[in-house]
């Protein structure tokens, strides 16, 4: 394929980049605030004008933080919606639209194994033929994808909305957290406790149960920074988050059969790595009764790729739109 235009929408920002050759990194990367444009098409046209590009016949791939079924795609963290048929008319070619965690999963075969940081005692394995891996990340939401590689080396990625599955408490503290959140939100999903705002929810719950006056929730980054400086309440919040994340990852490995490894992604989990490398995360991940022995063997690594949504979209376009 020739030049490719790739884009990603995560709610607050939309990013664009150009890829000129297979396996090349995106160039001319530009990020816009979604609030600055009334529609996605307006931001797209601005990028094309800035780079003096004509859309007709340009291979285009878009990663969105949402479900990509149907012609009209709603974005839960953004007022925009995406019309697939509208993009087809705009480019005079079929666009490729993927869930953003699908695109991140597509980027992982191209990540240097040396750049993957181990999380826990079992070193991460490189993406290789015959492997099946779980990809989990947190930010504006809780993202999940499944990456598998056939014996021939052909990559397959399956999107998942597992982050919206119901939160399953594992101890009395989790029970109390669930009751507190249920009183405020009704259904309590894993995303409610494991997205970036989930860390804020846990912190607010701990503050309320400690008798502290409710105020403005600290940002997730502020909570992690305070925990690293030894703040007791923040450390308890991050430790509870790590435990729930471990339990969720263990559940999902068992459900998806991704015993070859888990890749944690997203900057927030990168900032939290010191808390994920201790026993809390791993113990919760493997505490699955008779399946503990199998989960003890599952490697976990943190992958911090450059522009993973854009590079993953480029890889997906190359593989799925090749002649």
Protein backbone atom coordinates (compact mmCIF):
# COMPACT_ATOMS: atom_id res chain seq x y z
CA UNK A 1 0.00 0.00 0.00
CA UNK A 2 1.06 3.59 -0.49
CA UNK A 3 0.80 6.48 1.94
CA UNK A 4 -1.66 5.96 4.78
CA UNK A 5 -3.47 8.47 6.97
CA UNK A 6 -4.17 7.22 10.49
CA UNK A 7 -6.15 8.84 13.27
CA UNK A 8 -7.25 8.11 16.84
CA UNK A 9 -9.93 9.66 19.05
CA UNK A 10 -9.72 9.12 22.81
CA UNK A 11 -12.41 11.58 23.90
CA UNK A 12 -10.54 14.78 24.72
CA UNK A 13 -8.07 14.62 21.84
CA UNK A 14 -7.89 13.48 18.24
CA UNK A 15 -4.50 12.59 16.75
CA UNK A 16 -3.42 12.21 13.13
CA UNK A 17 -0.31 10.87 11.46
CA UNK A 18 1.05 9.80 8.07
CA UNK A 19 2.76 6.50 7.33
CA UNK A 20 4.78 6.22 4.13
CA UNK A 21 5.99 2.61 4.14
CA UNK A 22 5.30 -0.74 5.84
CA UNK A 23 6.57 -0.87 9.46
CA UNK A 24 7.43 2.85 9.36
CA UNK A 25 6.59 5.03 12.37
CA UNK A 26 3.90 7.68 11.91
CA UNK A 27 5.25 11.10 10.94
CA UNK A 28 3.69 14.56 10.89
CA UNK A 29 1.83 13.60 14.07
CA UNK A 30 -0.59 16.28 15.21
CA UNK A 31 -3.06 16.27 18.10
CA UNK A 32 -6.13 18.53 18.35
CA UNK A 33 -8.56 19.07 21.19
CA UNK A 34 -11.93 17.63 20.21
CA UNK A 35 -13.61 20.59 21.93
CA UNK A 36 -12.05 22.91 19.33
CA UNK A 37 -13.99 21.36 16.40
CA UNK A 38 -17.73 20.85 15.99
CA UNK A 39 -17.26 17.52 14.17
CA UNK A 40 -14.56 14.97 13.43
CA UNK A 41 -14.67 15.93 9.74
CA UNK A 42 -13.71 19.50 10.62
CA UNK A 43 -10.58 18.30 12.45
CA UNK A 44 -9.78 15.91 9.58
CA UNK A 45 -10.02 18.69 6.99
CA UNK A 46 -7.81 20.94 9.13
CA UNK A 47 -5.09 18.27 9.21
CA UNK A 48 -5.35 17.64 5.48
CA UNK A 49 -5.06 21.38 4.75
CA UNK A 50 -2.03 21.71 7.04
CA UNK A 51 -0.29 18.87 5.20
CA UNK A 52 -1.54 19.76 1.70
CA UNK A 53 -3.16 16.40 1.17
CA UNK A 54 -6.10 15.44 -1.03
CA UNK A 55 -8.38 12.81 0.51
CA UNK A 56 -9.45 10.97 -2.65
CA UNK A 57 -8.05 7.45 -2.68
CA UNK A 58 -5.97 7.96 0.49
CA UNK A 59 -5.90 4.83 2.67
CA UNK A 60 -7.46 5.83 5.98
CA UNK A 61 -7.68 4.12 9.37
CA UNK A 62 -9.39 5.45 12.49
CA UNK A 63 -9.19 4.18 16.07
CA UNK A 64 -12.04 5.22 18.36
CA UNK A 65 -12.68 4.74 22.07
CA UNK A 66 -16.03 3.04 21.56
CA UNK A 67 -17.95 0.22 19.91
CA UNK A 68 -17.42 0.21 16.14
CA UNK A 69 -20.49 -1.73 15.02
CA UNK A 70 -22.82 -0.22 12.43
CA UNK A 71 -22.58 2.83 10.22
CA UNK A 72 -22.98 5.49 12.91
CA UNK A 73 -20.49 5.25 15.78
CA UNK A 74 -21.17 7.12 19.00
CA UNK A 75 -18.25 8.09 21.22
CA UNK A 76 -19.09 7.82 24.94
CA UNK A 77 -16.42 10.32 26.04
CA UNK A 78 -16.93 12.83 23.23
CA UNK A 79 -19.89 14.67 21.66
CA UNK A 80 -18.79 13.64 18.15
CA UNK A 81 -20.18 10.72 16.19
CA UNK A 82 -18.57 9.00 13.21
CA UNK A 83 -20.39 8.14 9.99
CA UNK A 84 -18.57 5.30 8.25
CA UNK A 85 -20.48 5.86 5.00
CA UNK A 86 -19.60 9.57 5.22
CA UNK A 87 -15.90 8.70 5.50
CA UNK A 88 -16.25 6.33 2.56
CA UNK A 89 -17.64 9.15 0.43
CA UNK A 90 -15.01 11.60 1.67
CA UNK A 91 -12.05 9.36 0.80
CA UNK A 92 -13.66 7.53 -2.16
CA UNK A 93 -12.42 4.34 -0.52
CA UNK A 94 -13.42 2.11 2.38
CA UNK A 95 -12.05 3.36 5.72
CA UNK A 96 -10.89 0.96 8.42
CA UNK A 97 -12.46 1.83 11.79
CA UNK A 98 -11.31 -0.07 14.89
CA UNK A 99 -11.75 0.14 18.61
CA UNK A 100 -8.76 2.00 20.07
CA UNK A 101 -7.58 -1.03 22.02
CA UNK A 102 -7.74 -3.11 18.87
CA UNK A 103 -5.30 -0.64 17.33
CA UNK A 104 -2.99 -0.76 20.38
CA UNK A 105 -2.97 -4.56 20.16
CA UNK A 106 -2.02 -4.32 16.48
CA UNK A 107 1.02 -2.23 17.47
CA UNK A 108 2.45 -4.84 19.86
CA UNK A 109 4.02 -7.24 17.31
CA UNK A 110 6.20 -4.32 16.22
CA UNK A 111 7.38 -3.40 19.72
CA UNK A 112 10.98 -4.30 20.57
CA UNK A 113 10.78 -6.99 23.30
CA UNK A 114 13.56 -5.17 25.16
CA UNK A 115 11.18 -2.23 25.58
CA UNK A 116 8.59 -4.35 27.44
CA UNK A 117 9.05 -4.02 31.21
CA UNK A 118 8.35 -7.09 33.35
CA UNK A 119 5.55 -6.77 35.91
CA UNK A 120 6.06 -9.48 38.48
CA UNK A 121 8.26 -12.59 38.58
CA UNK A 122 7.45 -14.12 35.15
CA UNK A 123 9.29 -12.31 32.30
CA UNK A 124 7.06 -11.21 29.39
CA UNK A 125 7.24 -13.26 26.20
CA UNK A 126 7.60 -11.66 22.76
CA UNK A 127 4.63 -11.77 20.42
CA UNK A 128 5.25 -14.89 18.33
CA UNK A 129 3.39 -17.37 16.12
CA UNK A 130 1.02 -19.56 18.06
CA UNK A 131 0.68 -17.06 20.92
CA UNK A 132 -2.47 -15.61 22.42
CA UNK A 133 -2.20 -12.47 24.56
CA UNK A 134 -4.38 -10.13 26.59
CA UNK A 135 -4.05 -6.34 26.26
CA UNK A 136 -5.40 -4.18 29.11
CA UNK A 137 -5.12 -0.45 29.66
CA UNK A 138 -6.83 2.29 31.56
CA UNK A 139 -7.45 5.96 30.97
CA UNK A 140 -10.73 7.60 30.02
CA UNK A 141 -12.12 4.03 30.13
CA UNK A 142 -10.96 0.47 30.77
CA UNK A 143 -9.81 -1.08 27.51
CA UNK A 144 -9.43 -4.76 26.65
CA UNK A 145 -8.34 -6.57 23.48
CA UNK A 146 -7.14 -10.05 22.57
CA UNK A 147 -4.11 -10.51 20.32
CA UNK A 148 -3.38 -13.86 18.71
CA UNK A 149 -0.83 -14.89 16.09
CA UNK A 150 -1.43 -17.88 13.82
CA UNK A 151 1.19 -20.49 13.02
CA UNK A 152 1.88 -18.64 9.75
CA UNK A 153 2.51 -15.38 11.62
CA UNK A 154 -0.80 -13.81 10.61
CA UNK A 155 -2.03 -11.45 13.33
CA UNK A 156 -5.61 -11.50 14.59
CA UNK A 157 -7.06 -8.99 17.04
CA UNK A 158 -10.44 -9.20 18.78
CA UNK A 159 -11.95 -6.16 20.46
CA UNK A 160 -13.72 -6.51 23.79
CA UNK A 161 -15.95 -4.42 26.01
CA UNK A 162 -14.98 -6.51 29.04
CA UNK A 163 -14.34 -3.35 31.03
CA UNK A 164 -18.12 -2.93 31.28
CA UNK A 165 -18.60 -6.34 32.93
CA UNK A 166 -19.87 -6.28 36.51
CA UNK A 167 -17.36 -5.64 39.28
CA UNK A 168 -16.90 -8.81 41.37
CA UNK A 169 -15.73 -8.10 44.95
CA UNK A 170 -13.13 -10.47 46.40
CA UNK A 171 -13.03 -9.34 50.05
CA UNK A 172 -14.87 -7.21 52.61
CA UNK A 173 -13.23 -3.97 51.46
CA UNK A 174 -14.38 -4.64 47.91
CA UNK A 175 -17.88 -5.40 49.24
CA UNK A 176 -18.00 -2.02 50.97
CA UNK A 177 -16.68 -0.23 47.88
CA UNK A 178 -19.31 -1.91 45.69
CA UNK A 179 -22.13 -0.89 48.05
CA UNK A 180 -20.87 2.71 48.17
CA UNK A 181 -20.65 2.94 44.36
CA UNK A 182 -23.95 1.14 43.76
CA UNK A 183 -25.75 3.72 45.89
CA UNK A 184 -24.40 6.43 43.56
CA UNK A 185 -24.41 4.79 40.13
CA UNK A 186 -26.61 1.69 40.12
CA UNK A 187 -24.71 -0.86 38.04
CA UNK A 188 -21.02 -0.93 38.98
CA UNK A 189 -18.73 -2.13 36.20
CA UNK A 190 -15.02 -2.81 36.42
CA UNK A 191 -14.54 0.41 34.49
CA UNK A 192 -16.16 2.26 37.39
CA UNK A 193 -13.19 1.26 39.58
CA UNK A 194 -10.38 0.73 37.05
CA UNK A 195 -10.64 3.65 34.61
CA UNK A 196 -8.74 6.78 35.59
CA UNK A 197 -11.88 8.10 37.25
CA UNK A 198 -12.10 4.72 39.03
CA UNK A 199 -8.96 5.53 40.99
CA UNK A 200 -10.66 8.78 41.97
CA UNK A 201 -13.76 6.82 43.03
CA UNK A 202 -11.66 4.54 45.24
CA UNK A 203 -9.89 7.54 46.77
CA UNK A 204 -13.21 9.31 47.43
CA UNK A 205 -14.65 6.15 49.04
CA UNK A 206 -11.65 5.78 51.34
CA UNK A 207 -11.85 9.47 52.26
CA UNK A 208 -15.57 9.18 53.03
CA UNK A 209 -15.14 6.05 55.15
CA UNK A 210 -12.32 7.77 57.01
CA UNK A 211 -14.63 10.63 57.98
CA UNK A 212 -12.99 13.22 55.74
CA UNK A 213 -15.05 16.06 54.33
CA UNK A 214 -15.90 15.54 50.69
CA UNK A 215 -14.18 17.93 48.31
CA UNK A 216 -12.94 18.02 44.75
CA UNK A 217 -11.44 14.66 43.81
CA UNK A 218 -7.67 14.80 43.22
CA UNK A 219 -6.59 13.87 39.71
CA UNK A 220 -5.40 10.28 39.22
CA UNK A 221 -1.86 11.58 38.66
CA UNK A 222 -2.03 13.53 41.92
CA UNK A 223 -3.17 10.42 43.81
CA UNK A 224 -0.33 8.31 42.38
CA UNK A 225 2.22 11.05 43.14
CA UNK A 226 0.95 11.37 46.71
CA UNK A 227 1.15 7.59 47.16
CA UNK A 228 4.77 7.62 45.99
CA UNK A 229 5.53 10.31 48.59
CA UNK A 230 4.05 8.16 51.34
CA UNK A 231 0.58 9.66 51.76
CA UNK A 232 -1.40 6.97 53.59
CA UNK A 233 -4.81 7.54 52.02
CA UNK A 234 -3.40 7.76 48.49
CA UNK A 235 -1.29 4.63 49.02
CA UNK A 236 -4.37 2.72 50.19
CA UNK A 237 -6.27 3.88 47.08
CA UNK A 238 -3.52 2.79 44.68
CA UNK A 239 -3.07 -0.55 46.49
CA UNK A 240 -6.82 -1.25 46.32
CA UNK A 241 -6.76 -0.31 42.60
CA UNK A 242 -3.82 -2.69 41.98
CA UNK A 243 -5.64 -5.54 43.74
CA UNK A 244 -8.86 -5.06 41.75
CA UNK A 245 -6.89 -4.74 38.50
CA UNK A 246 -5.10 -8.00 39.26
CA UNK A 247 -8.38 -9.80 39.91
CA UNK A 248 -9.87 -8.42 36.67
CA UNK A 249 -6.81 -9.48 34.65
CA UNK A 250 -6.93 -12.99 36.10
CA UNK A 251 -10.64 -13.28 35.28
CA UNK A 252 -10.07 -12.13 31.72
CA UNK A 253 -7.10 -14.43 31.11
CA UNK A 254 -9.28 -17.37 32.14
CA UNK A 255 -12.19 -16.17 29.98
CA UNK A 256 -10.14 -15.44 26.86
CA UNK A 257 -7.55 -18.21 27.25
CA UNK A 258 -4.67 -15.73 26.94
CA UNK A 259 -2.17 -17.85 28.88
CA UNK A 260 0.80 -16.73 26.74
CA UNK A 261 0.87 -13.36 28.42
CA UNK A 262 -0.66 -10.06 29.42
CA UNK A 263 0.39 -6.66 28.11
CA UNK A 264 -0.50 -3.68 30.27
CA UNK A 265 -0.58 -0.41 28.33
CA UNK A 266 -1.45 3.27 28.90
CA UNK A 267 0.50 6.04 30.66
CA UNK A 268 -1.53 5.78 33.87
CA UNK A 269 -0.49 2.17 34.43
CA UNK A 270 3.07 3.15 33.55
CA UNK A 271 3.01 5.73 36.35
CA UNK A 272 1.64 3.04 38.67
CA UNK A 273 4.26 0.39 37.85
CA UNK A 274 6.02 0.49 41.25
CA UNK A 275 2.70 -0.48 42.87
CA UNK A 276 1.94 -3.17 40.28
CA UNK A 277 5.30 -4.88 40.68
CA UNK A 278 4.74 -5.81 44.33
CA UNK A 279 2.74 -8.85 45.47
CA UNK A 280 -0.66 -7.14 45.57
CA UNK A 281 -1.40 -7.18 41.84
CA UNK A 282 0.03 -10.64 41.21
CA UNK A 283 -1.62 -12.26 44.24
CA UNK A 284 -5.04 -10.98 43.19
CA UNK A 285 -4.46 -12.07 39.60
CA UNK A 286 -3.64 -15.67 40.54
CA UNK A 287 -6.15 -16.12 43.40
CA UNK A 288 -8.53 -18.20 41.28
CA UNK A 289 -8.76 -21.44 43.26
CA UNK A 290 -7.90 -24.50 41.20
CA UNK A 291 -6.59 -22.32 38.35
CA UNK A 292 -3.91 -20.66 40.47
CA UNK A 293 -1.19 -22.99 39.21
CA UNK A 294 -1.96 -22.10 35.57
CA UNK A 295 -2.09 -18.37 36.28
CA UNK A 296 1.21 -18.51 38.17
CA UNK A 297 2.86 -19.23 34.81
CA UNK A 298 1.29 -16.30 32.92
CA UNK A 299 3.79 -13.50 32.19
CA UNK A 300 2.81 -9.84 32.53
CA UNK A 301 4.64 -6.94 30.90
CA UNK A 302 4.16 -3.20 30.45
CA UNK A 303 4.43 -1.98 26.84
CA UNK A 304 5.06 1.73 26.38
CA UNK A 305 5.08 2.20 22.62
CA UNK A 306 5.30 5.55 20.82
CA UNK A 307 1.89 6.58 19.46
CA UNK A 308 0.59 2.99 19.76
CA UNK A 309 -2.90 3.77 18.44
CA UNK A 310 -1.52 5.36 15.28
CA UNK A 311 1.22 2.80 14.64
CA UNK A 312 -1.27 0.01 15.35
CA UNK A 313 -3.77 1.47 12.90
CA UNK A 314 -1.04 1.59 10.27
CA UNK A 315 -0.20 -2.09 10.90
CA UNK A 316 -3.87 -3.03 10.72
CA UNK A 317 -4.34 -1.14 7.46
CA UNK A 318 -1.32 -2.89 5.97
CA UNK A 319 -2.59 -6.33 7.00
CA UNK A 320 -6.35 -5.97 6.50
CA UNK A 321 -6.44 -3.75 3.41
CA UNK A 322 -3.59 -5.36 1.49
CA UNK A 323 -4.48 -6.55 -2.03
